[in-house]
Protein backbone atom coordinates (compact mmCIF):
# COMPACT_ATOMS: atom_id res chain seq x y z
CA UNK A 1 113.56 163.75 103.86
CA UNK A 2 116.47 162.48 106.06
CA UNK A 3 115.52 164.15 109.13
CA UNK A 4 112.15 162.84 109.17
CA UNK A 5 113.59 158.92 109.61
CA UNK A 6 116.49 160.82 111.99
CA UNK A 7 115.22 163.29 114.06
CA UNK A 8 118.34 163.84 116.71
CA UNK A 9 120.73 164.83 114.03
CA UNK A 10 122.85 168.00 113.54
CA UNK A 11 124.18 169.60 110.60
CA UNK A 12 127.71 168.74 112.11
CA UNK A 13 126.70 165.45 112.68
CA UNK A 14 126.02 164.54 109.55
CA UNK A 15 129.24 166.23 108.33
CA UNK A 16 131.28 164.54 110.57
CA UNK A 17 129.78 160.74 109.02
CA UNK A 18 130.58 162.14 105.18
CA UNK A 19 134.70 163.10 106.18
CA UNK A 20 134.71 159.77 108.06
CA UNK A 21 133.22 157.77 104.50
CA UNK A 22 135.64 159.65 102.49
CA UNK A 23 138.66 158.33 105.04
CA UNK A 24 137.25 155.19 104.86
CA UNK A 25 137.70 155.17 100.78
CA UNK A 26 141.12 156.03 100.76
CA UNK A 27 142.16 153.97 103.54
CA UNK A 28 140.31 151.04 101.38
CA UNK A 29 142.61 152.17 98.06
CA UNK A 30 145.62 152.17 99.57
CA UNK A 31 145.14 148.66 99.79
CA UNK A 32 144.22 147.82 96.41
CA UNK A 33 146.35 144.87 95.22
CA UNK A 34 149.54 146.06 93.42
CA UNK A 35 151.67 144.31 90.53
CA UNK A 36 153.52 142.25 92.65
CA UNK A 37 150.44 141.14 94.25
CA UNK A 38 148.70 140.02 90.99
CA UNK A 39 152.19 137.84 89.77
CA UNK A 40 151.46 136.18 92.83
CA UNK A 41 147.99 135.29 92.03
CA UNK A 42 149.13 134.14 88.63
CA UNK A 43 152.12 131.72 90.09
CA UNK A 44 149.09 129.87 92.27
CA UNK A 45 147.82 126.46 91.24
CA UNK A 46 144.36 126.70 92.46
CA UNK A 47 143.00 128.71 89.54
CA UNK A 48 143.03 128.87 85.82
CA UNK A 49 144.22 132.28 84.41
CA UNK A 50 144.21 134.50 81.75
CA UNK A 51 146.10 137.39 80.72
CA UNK A 52 143.96 140.83 79.29
CA UNK A 53 145.41 144.12 79.57
CA UNK A 54 143.57 146.37 81.26
CA UNK A 55 141.74 148.44 77.96
CA UNK A 56 140.85 144.59 77.03
CA UNK A 57 139.14 143.87 80.18
CA UNK A 58 137.56 147.43 80.00
CA UNK A 59 135.71 146.74 77.04
CA UNK A 60 134.80 143.71 77.59
CA UNK A 61 133.39 143.56 81.49
CA UNK A 62 132.25 147.58 81.10
CA UNK A 63 133.85 148.04 84.70
CA UNK A 64 136.93 149.18 86.22
CA UNK A 65 139.82 146.42 86.28
CA UNK A 66 141.20 144.86 89.09
CA UNK A 67 145.00 146.65 89.74
CA UNK A 68 146.23 149.79 89.71
CA UNK A 69 145.20 151.89 86.64
CA UNK A 70 149.13 153.24 86.06
CA UNK A 71 150.11 149.40 85.43
CA UNK A 72 149.51 147.93 81.71
CA UNK A 73 149.45 145.06 82.45
CA UNK A 74 147.68 142.90 85.07
CA UNK A 75 146.88 139.17 85.80
CA UNK A 76 142.67 138.58 85.39
CA UNK A 77 141.79 135.59 87.21
CA UNK A 78 138.91 133.27 84.58
CA UNK A 79 137.44 130.78 85.31
CA UNK A 80 137.79 127.76 82.71
CA UNK A 81 135.73 123.94 83.21
CA UNK A 82 137.84 122.42 80.89
CA UNK A 83 141.14 122.88 83.16
CA UNK A 84 139.44 121.13 85.99
CA UNK A 85 138.21 117.56 86.73
CA UNK A 86 134.57 117.05 86.94
CA UNK A 87 133.60 114.33 89.60
CA UNK A 88 130.07 112.41 89.50
CA UNK A 89 128.86 112.22 92.67
CA UNK A 90 125.62 109.44 92.70
CA UNK A 91 123.11 108.92 94.91
CA UNK A 92 124.66 106.16 98.08
CA UNK A 93 123.48 102.61 98.36
CA UNK A 94 121.01 101.76 100.82
CA UNK A 95 120.24 98.48 102.92
CA UNK A 96 116.78 97.89 103.42
CA UNK A 97 115.90 95.23 106.75
CA UNK A 98 111.78 94.68 106.60
CA UNK A 99 109.83 92.49 109.50
CA UNK A 100 106.55 91.81 109.08
CA UNK A 101 103.92 93.94 111.04
CA UNK A 102 102.15 91.33 112.30
CA UNK A 103 105.26 90.28 114.51
CA UNK A 104 105.69 93.45 116.17
CA UNK A 105 103.16 94.18 119.39
CA UNK A 106 101.47 97.31 119.16
CA UNK A 107 97.85 98.33 118.67
CA UNK A 108 97.84 99.94 115.47
CA UNK A 109 100.94 100.67 112.79
CA UNK A 110 101.85 103.50 114.23
CA UNK A 111 102.56 102.70 117.98
CA UNK A 112 104.49 100.02 115.80
CA UNK A 113 106.37 101.76 113.95
CA UNK A 114 106.96 103.91 116.78
CA UNK A 115 108.50 101.14 119.05
CA UNK A 116 110.40 99.99 116.18
CA UNK A 117 112.49 103.84 115.74
CA UNK A 118 112.68 103.98 119.35
CA UNK A 119 115.06 100.41 119.69
CA UNK A 120 116.70 100.17 116.33
CA UNK A 121 117.09 103.24 114.66
CA UNK A 122 119.62 106.42 115.98
CA UNK A 123 123.56 106.89 115.03
CA UNK A 124 124.78 103.68 115.95
CA UNK A 125 121.71 101.86 113.46
CA UNK A 126 118.97 102.37 111.08
CA UNK A 127 118.89 106.06 110.16
CA UNK A 128 115.32 105.71 109.14
CA UNK A 129 111.97 103.96 110.11
CA UNK A 130 109.17 103.55 107.27
CA UNK A 131 106.38 101.08 105.98
CA UNK A 132 105.77 98.80 102.48
CA UNK A 133 103.67 96.81 101.16
CA UNK A 134 104.43 93.87 99.61
CA UNK A 135 101.49 91.21 98.17
CA UNK A 136 98.88 93.23 99.87
CA UNK A 137 101.08 92.53 103.00
CA UNK A 138 102.62 95.52 105.14
CA UNK A 139 106.12 94.97 106.56
CA UNK A 140 108.31 97.98 108.73
CA UNK A 141 111.69 98.40 106.93
CA UNK A 142 114.75 99.69 109.01
CA UNK A 143 117.11 101.17 106.20
CA UNK A 144 120.57 101.73 106.36
CA UNK A 145 123.63 103.44 104.56
CA UNK A 146 126.64 101.82 105.87
CA UNK A 147 126.43 97.76 104.59
CA UNK A 148 128.77 96.78 108.45
CA UNK A 149 126.15 97.41 110.14
CA UNK A 150 123.52 96.13 108.15
CA UNK A 151 125.24 92.63 108.12
CA UNK A 152 125.05 92.56 111.58
CA UNK A 153 122.42 93.73 112.11
CA UNK A 154 120.21 91.13 110.39
CA UNK A 155 122.56 88.23 111.23
CA UNK A 156 121.68 88.60 114.76
CA UNK A 157 118.41 88.51 116.70
CA UNK A 158 117.43 91.29 119.06
CA UNK A 159 115.25 91.39 122.26
CA UNK A 160 113.19 94.01 123.01
CA UNK A 161 111.08 94.47 126.57
CA UNK A 162 107.94 94.24 126.32
CA UNK A 163 105.30 95.78 129.50
CA UNK A 164 102.37 93.45 129.58
CA UNK A 165 100.63 95.21 132.32
CA UNK A 166 103.00 94.60 136.02
CA UNK A 167 105.05 92.46 134.17
CA UNK A 168 107.81 92.96 131.35
CA UNK A 169 108.14 90.72 129.34
CA UNK A 170 111.53 90.15 126.84
CA UNK A 171 110.76 89.63 122.67
CA UNK A 172 113.12 88.53 120.02
CA UNK A 173 112.87 90.08 116.51
CA UNK A 174 114.73 88.96 113.92
CA UNK A 175 115.45 91.18 110.33
CA UNK A 176 115.36 89.98 107.25
CA UNK A 177 117.23 91.05 104.03
CA UNK A 178 114.50 93.03 102.34
CA UNK A 179 115.92 90.62 98.96
CA UNK A 180 113.94 87.64 100.99
CA UNK A 181 110.90 89.13 101.00
CA UNK A 182 110.68 91.13 97.27
CA UNK A 183 113.44 89.44 95.71
CA UNK A 184 115.38 92.07 93.01
CA UNK A 185 114.66 91.63 89.54
CA UNK A 186 117.69 90.26 86.92
CA UNK A 187 118.95 91.89 83.59
CA UNK A 188 117.53 89.13 82.38
CA UNK A 189 114.01 89.15 83.97
CA UNK A 190 113.49 92.92 83.03
CA UNK A 191 114.33 92.87 80.09
CA UNK A 192 111.80 90.35 79.56
CA UNK A 193 109.51 91.88 80.95
CA UNK A 194 109.81 95.27 78.94
CA UNK A 195 109.50 93.03 75.43
CA UNK A 196 106.15 92.08 76.79
CA UNK A 197 105.22 95.36 77.84
CA UNK A 198 103.68 98.66 76.61
CA UNK A 199 103.40 102.49 77.42
CA UNK A 200 100.35 104.01 77.50
CA UNK A 201 98.97 107.54 76.88
CA UNK A 202 96.85 110.51 77.13
CA UNK A 203 94.23 108.83 79.33
CA UNK A 204 91.78 111.16 80.79
CA UNK A 205 91.77 111.58 84.71
CA UNK A 206 87.59 110.38 84.92
CA UNK A 207 88.39 106.88 82.95
CA UNK A 208 89.57 103.92 85.16
CA UNK A 209 91.42 100.59 84.23
CA UNK A 210 88.64 98.21 83.56
CA UNK A 211 87.76 100.11 80.69
CA UNK A 212 90.73 99.86 78.64
CA UNK A 213 91.75 96.78 79.72
CA UNK A 214 88.74 95.26 77.53
CA UNK A 215 90.25 97.32 74.42
CA UNK A 216 93.67 96.15 74.94
CA UNK A 217 92.80 92.97 75.80
CA UNK A 218 91.91 91.60 72.55
CA UNK A 219 95.41 91.79 71.98
CA UNK A 220 96.34 89.22 74.48
CA UNK A 221 96.47 88.29 77.71
CA UNK A 222 97.06 91.03 79.97
CA UNK A 223 99.37 89.47 82.97
CA UNK A 224 99.50 92.83 84.96
CA UNK A 225 98.43 96.70 84.76
CA UNK A 226 100.15 99.96 86.73
CA UNK A 227 98.02 103.66 86.35
CA UNK A 228 100.29 106.12 87.60
CA UNK A 229 99.13 110.24 86.59
CA UNK A 230 100.67 113.14 84.74
CA UNK A 231 99.49 115.67 84.10
CA UNK A 232 96.49 116.51 83.03
CA UNK A 233 95.93 112.86 82.10
CA UNK A 234 96.84 109.41 83.41
CA UNK A 235 99.54 106.52 81.91
CA UNK A 236 99.49 102.78 82.07
CA UNK A 237 102.03 99.91 82.20
CA UNK A 238 100.58 96.94 80.46
CA UNK A 239 102.73 93.51 80.69
CA UNK A 240 100.91 91.26 78.04
CA UNK A 241 102.12 86.66 78.50
CA UNK A 242 103.34 86.88 74.75
CA UNK A 243 105.65 89.18 73.32
CA UNK A 244 103.83 88.65 70.22
CA UNK A 245 100.60 91.06 71.38
CA UNK A 246 103.43 93.95 71.73
CA UNK A 247 103.67 93.42 68.03
CA UNK A 248 101.04 94.94 66.84
CA UNK A 249 101.76 98.11 68.43
CA UNK A 250 105.09 98.64 66.63
CA UNK A 251 103.16 99.59 63.63
CA UNK A 252 100.62 101.23 65.14
CA UNK A 253 100.42 104.13 67.23
CA UNK A 254 97.08 104.59 69.07
CA UNK A 255 94.08 102.95 69.64
CA UNK A 256 90.67 104.10 70.35
CA UNK A 257 88.97 103.66 73.59
CA UNK A 258 85.72 104.73 73.87
CA UNK A 259 85.85 108.52 72.02
CA UNK A 260 89.51 109.42 73.19
CA UNK A 261 92.65 108.17 70.92
CA UNK A 262 95.55 106.60 73.36
CA UNK A 263 98.45 106.86 72.11
CA UNK A 264 100.70 103.18 72.77
CA UNK A 265 104.87 103.03 72.83
CA UNK A 266 106.35 99.36 73.46
CA UNK A 267 108.31 99.66 76.37
CA UNK A 268 111.22 98.08 75.24
CA UNK A 269 111.58 101.70 72.24
CA UNK A 270 115.19 102.68 71.64
CA UNK A 271 115.22 106.92 72.50
CA UNK A 272 115.15 107.93 68.94
CA UNK A 273 112.33 105.78 67.88
CA UNK A 274 110.58 107.35 70.76
CA UNK A 275 111.24 110.87 69.43
CA UNK A 276 110.17 109.87 66.01
CA UNK A 277 106.72 109.61 66.97
CA UNK A 278 106.83 113.49 67.57
CA UNK A 279 108.74 114.70 65.32
CA UNK A 280 106.49 114.51 62.09
CA UNK A 281 103.23 116.60 64.25
CA UNK A 282 100.92 119.74 62.90
CA UNK A 283 98.10 121.07 64.12
CA UNK A 284 94.41 120.84 62.98
CA UNK A 285 92.65 124.05 64.00
CA UNK A 286 89.30 125.05 64.02
CA UNK A 287 87.38 122.21 64.87
CA UNK A 288 83.60 122.55 66.60
CA UNK A 289 82.91 122.70 70.06
CA UNK A 290 83.36 118.67 72.04
CA UNK A 291 85.07 116.94 69.24
CA UNK A 292 86.49 114.07 70.05
CA UNK A 293 89.70 111.96 68.20
CA UNK A 294 87.49 109.93 66.61
CA UNK A 295 85.34 112.09 65.11
CA UNK A 296 88.26 112.86 62.82
CA UNK A 297 88.46 109.10 61.99
CA UNK A 298 87.69 109.58 58.53
CA UNK A 299 90.38 112.62 58.01
CA UNK A 300 92.49 110.79 60.29
CA UNK A 301 92.41 108.19 57.98
CA UNK A 302 92.75 110.27 54.13
CA UNK A 303 95.42 111.62 55.49
CA UNK A 304 97.51 108.49 56.66
CA UNK A 305 98.17 109.89 59.89
CA UNK A 306 99.94 107.65 62.87
CA UNK A 307 97.80 109.38 66.03
CA UNK A 308 95.93 112.30 67.16
CA UNK A 309 95.56 113.96 70.40
CA UNK A 310 92.91 117.04 71.24
CA UNK A 311 94.08 118.85 74.51
CA UNK A 312 91.93 119.33 76.81
CA UNK A 313 90.89 123.14 79.21
CA UNK A 314 91.99 122.13 81.99
CA UNK A 315 89.24 124.35 83.40
CA UNK A 316 86.84 122.82 82.38
CA UNK A 317 88.02 120.12 80.80
CA UNK A 318 86.41 119.60 78.48
CA UNK A 319 87.78 119.15 74.18
CA UNK A 320 90.19 122.65 73.07
CA UNK A 321 89.04 123.86 69.14
CA UNK A 322 92.12 121.87 68.19
CA UNK A 323 94.17 119.15 67.78
CA UNK A 324 97.48 117.78 67.38
CA UNK A 325 98.38 114.92 63.84
CA UNK A 326 101.15 113.13 64.09
CA UNK A 327 102.64 111.37 60.72
CA UNK A 328 105.28 108.58 59.67
CA UNK A 329 107.44 110.46 57.68
CA UNK A 330 107.80 114.01 56.48
CA UNK A 331 106.36 113.62 53.04
CA UNK A 332 103.10 112.05 54.53
CA UNK A 333 102.59 115.42 56.32
CA UNK A 334 103.67 117.63 53.39
CA UNK A 335 101.29 115.84 51.55
CA UNK A 336 98.01 116.19 54.53
CA UNK A 337 98.85 120.23 54.49
CA UNK A 338 97.40 120.12 50.88
CA UNK A 339 94.35 118.93 52.16
CA UNK A 340 91.51 120.83 53.06
CA UNK A 341 88.25 119.93 55.15
CA UNK A 342 85.07 121.33 56.43
CA UNK A 343 83.58 119.47 59.59
CA UNK A 344 80.08 120.33 60.76
CA UNK A 345 80.03 123.66 58.41
CA UNK A 346 83.36 124.31 59.84
CA UNK A 347 86.61 124.75 57.80
CA UNK A 348 89.74 123.45 59.19
CA UNK A 349 93.27 124.77 59.16
CA UNK A 350 96.50 123.79 59.02
CA UNK A 351 99.31 125.70 60.85
CA UNK A 352 102.43 124.55 62.66
CA UNK A 353 102.35 122.97 66.07
CA UNK A 354 103.91 125.95 67.65
CA UNK A 355 101.24 128.61 66.35
CA UNK A 356 99.11 129.71 68.97
CA UNK A 357 94.87 129.68 67.89
CA UNK A 358 91.08 130.97 69.45
CA UNK A 359 90.55 128.10 72.58
CA UNK A 360 87.02 129.57 71.50
CA UNK A 361 86.58 129.04 68.25
CA UNK A 362 90.21 127.48 66.47
CA UNK A 363 91.15 130.72 64.30
CA UNK A 364 94.94 131.35 63.91
CA UNK A 365 94.63 134.73 63.00
CA UNK A 366 93.69 136.06 66.74
CA UNK A 367 93.59 134.78 70.56
CA UNK A 368 90.63 134.37 72.68
CA UNK A 369 90.51 137.48 73.96
CA UNK A 370 89.68 138.74 70.80
CA UNK A 371 87.52 137.09 69.40
CA UNK A 372 83.75 138.00 68.63
CA UNK A 373 81.92 135.08 68.93
CA UNK A 374 82.73 134.55 72.65
CA UNK A 375 80.11 137.34 73.05
CA UNK A 376 77.70 136.38 70.07
CA UNK A 377 77.46 132.89 72.65
CA UNK A 378 76.76 134.60 76.03
CA UNK A 379 73.58 135.73 76.87
CA UNK A 380 72.30 139.36 78.76
CA UNK A 381 71.48 138.33 82.19
CA UNK A 382 68.07 140.72 81.17
CA UNK A 383 67.62 137.25 78.69
CA UNK A 384 68.30 134.91 81.40
CA UNK A 385 65.75 136.26 83.50
CA UNK A 386 63.31 136.22 80.95
CA UNK A 387 63.97 132.92 80.68
CA UNK A 388 63.32 131.78 84.52
CA UNK A 389 60.28 133.45 84.58
CA UNK A 390 58.62 132.15 81.15
CA UNK A 391 60.84 128.56 81.63
CA UNK A 392 60.27 128.56 77.52
CA UNK A 393 61.37 124.98 75.58
CA UNK A 394 64.83 123.57 76.36
CA UNK A 395 65.23 125.77 78.95
CA UNK A 396 67.11 123.56 81.95
CA UNK A 397 69.67 122.29 79.10
CA UNK A 398 70.70 125.50 77.71
CA UNK A 399 74.09 126.13 78.87
CA UNK A 400 74.36 129.65 77.26
CA UNK A 401 72.85 130.52 80.52
CA UNK A 402 76.17 130.59 81.81
CA UNK A 403 76.17 132.01 85.76
CA UNK A 404 72.09 132.59 85.31
CA UNK A 405 71.87 128.97 84.36
CA UNK A 406 71.81 127.52 88.46
CA UNK A 407 70.96 130.91 89.84
CA UNK A 408 68.92 130.69 93.37
CA UNK A 409 65.78 132.08 92.73
CA UNK A 410 65.17 135.28 95.07
CA UNK A 411 61.79 134.20 96.23
CA UNK A 412 63.15 130.78 97.78
CA UNK A 413 66.10 132.85 99.55
CA UNK A 414 63.38 135.26 101.02
CA UNK A 415 61.31 132.53 102.22
CA UNK A 416 63.93 130.50 103.74
CA UNK A 417 65.20 132.93 106.22
CA UNK A 418 61.38 134.09 107.20
CA UNK A 419 60.42 130.85 107.84
CA UNK A 420 61.34 129.97 111.93
CA UNK A 421 60.66 126.49 112.97
CA UNK A 422 58.40 126.21 115.55
CA UNK A 423 59.99 124.17 118.65
CA UNK A 424 58.03 124.38 121.50
CA UNK A 425 59.89 124.81 124.88
CA UNK A 426 60.59 121.42 126.61
CA UNK A 427 60.41 121.15 130.56
CA UNK A 428 63.44 121.33 132.85
CA UNK A 429 63.78 117.65 134.32
CA UNK A 430 64.93 118.86 137.62
CA UNK A 431 61.33 121.09 137.75
CA UNK A 432 58.20 118.68 139.72
CA UNK A 433 55.13 118.45 137.42
CA UNK A 434 52.53 118.72 140.38
CA UNK A 435 49.49 117.65 136.60
CA UNK A 436 47.68 114.17 137.69
CA UNK A 437 46.32 114.56 134.18
CA UNK A 438 43.23 115.90 135.55
CA UNK A 439 42.26 119.13 134.04
CA UNK A 440 41.42 122.53 136.46
CA UNK A 441 38.69 122.17 138.06
CA UNK A 442 38.17 118.59 138.24
CA UNK A 443 38.04 115.41 141.32
């Protein structure tokens, strides 16, 4: 096999290679650390040491320990984090100087950024140039790491040569501290805003802010709403003008919006209070397809549940066949598991939240690959072709057709390929038309 990769290799060359490898191994064996060298490592303060016998080390690490085989004891170095002092490193503080983009010459924002980067960035000045929007106004931001360079930059005006046609003019630009444009909030202000704010979870991706704003306005006047996306859901921070509007959500954990159930957390809750709202959870499996949280309102009221989450299938954005029910106490959760419900002809099952259930029928005894109902609900291609020819009642609304539902008609595709547009040839512009509008033979 080796001759396949080395066709010019002879048997003599191969024997010489083996001899060289054996000699290199003997040299490496002669330079193994001795007992004196190990003792020097023991006295070195750079790393902590631990004395283990060769037999103990071999039993623990399953390989020959470092040192001579004739030595009964040698020094084995191990890292012990308790012997080192850990230094916590934080990010450097950044200093930002801003200037209104309308005061900078340029055709567009890109050219203005390029001009500021060329004149005010580099090793002796700012290390980055970006843009930020404050109150619907765009500013050019120059960022510094060194406070001395930053203070010198904002305390002195800067003269920039600007080419205006054939003339070169000088433009004076004065940057401001970002606190002058966007003042930083004090701890008292941040604490006051947290006491007037709530965080909303489980907002569907297609739901807009004006939809759920109407429901939350019933508790008080809203001052501000900020939305952002996390995974397959949206979240929102709602700040009221009065603290009394938030008191309701210290007792109530969720709110119905349209058909969805949105979990609500007051922003001033600590980590223990937030963890308590997800501590007692049980899974209700076997829901019919398309079940929304509001459909389970009677069950949630009877078991005294605080919130309900029905996850969605990321492939089709439809609700799955199980729900996570959250309770306030362990006693309420234990009492709910002793109650059995039947919803729309299907028996619901209580299982622990980590139990895997079928995503098609909700049965905890099998997974979706082994589900029998999945194969029963999908019609065959022969039946789908029969529906397309005969067009029976509710044909267009039959979702069981699956991939055959919107399948293109073969006859239409054939007609489209055979139809050739009838275009009349146009006369070239360089050809002179000698026809004066009379037929042949007329005078």
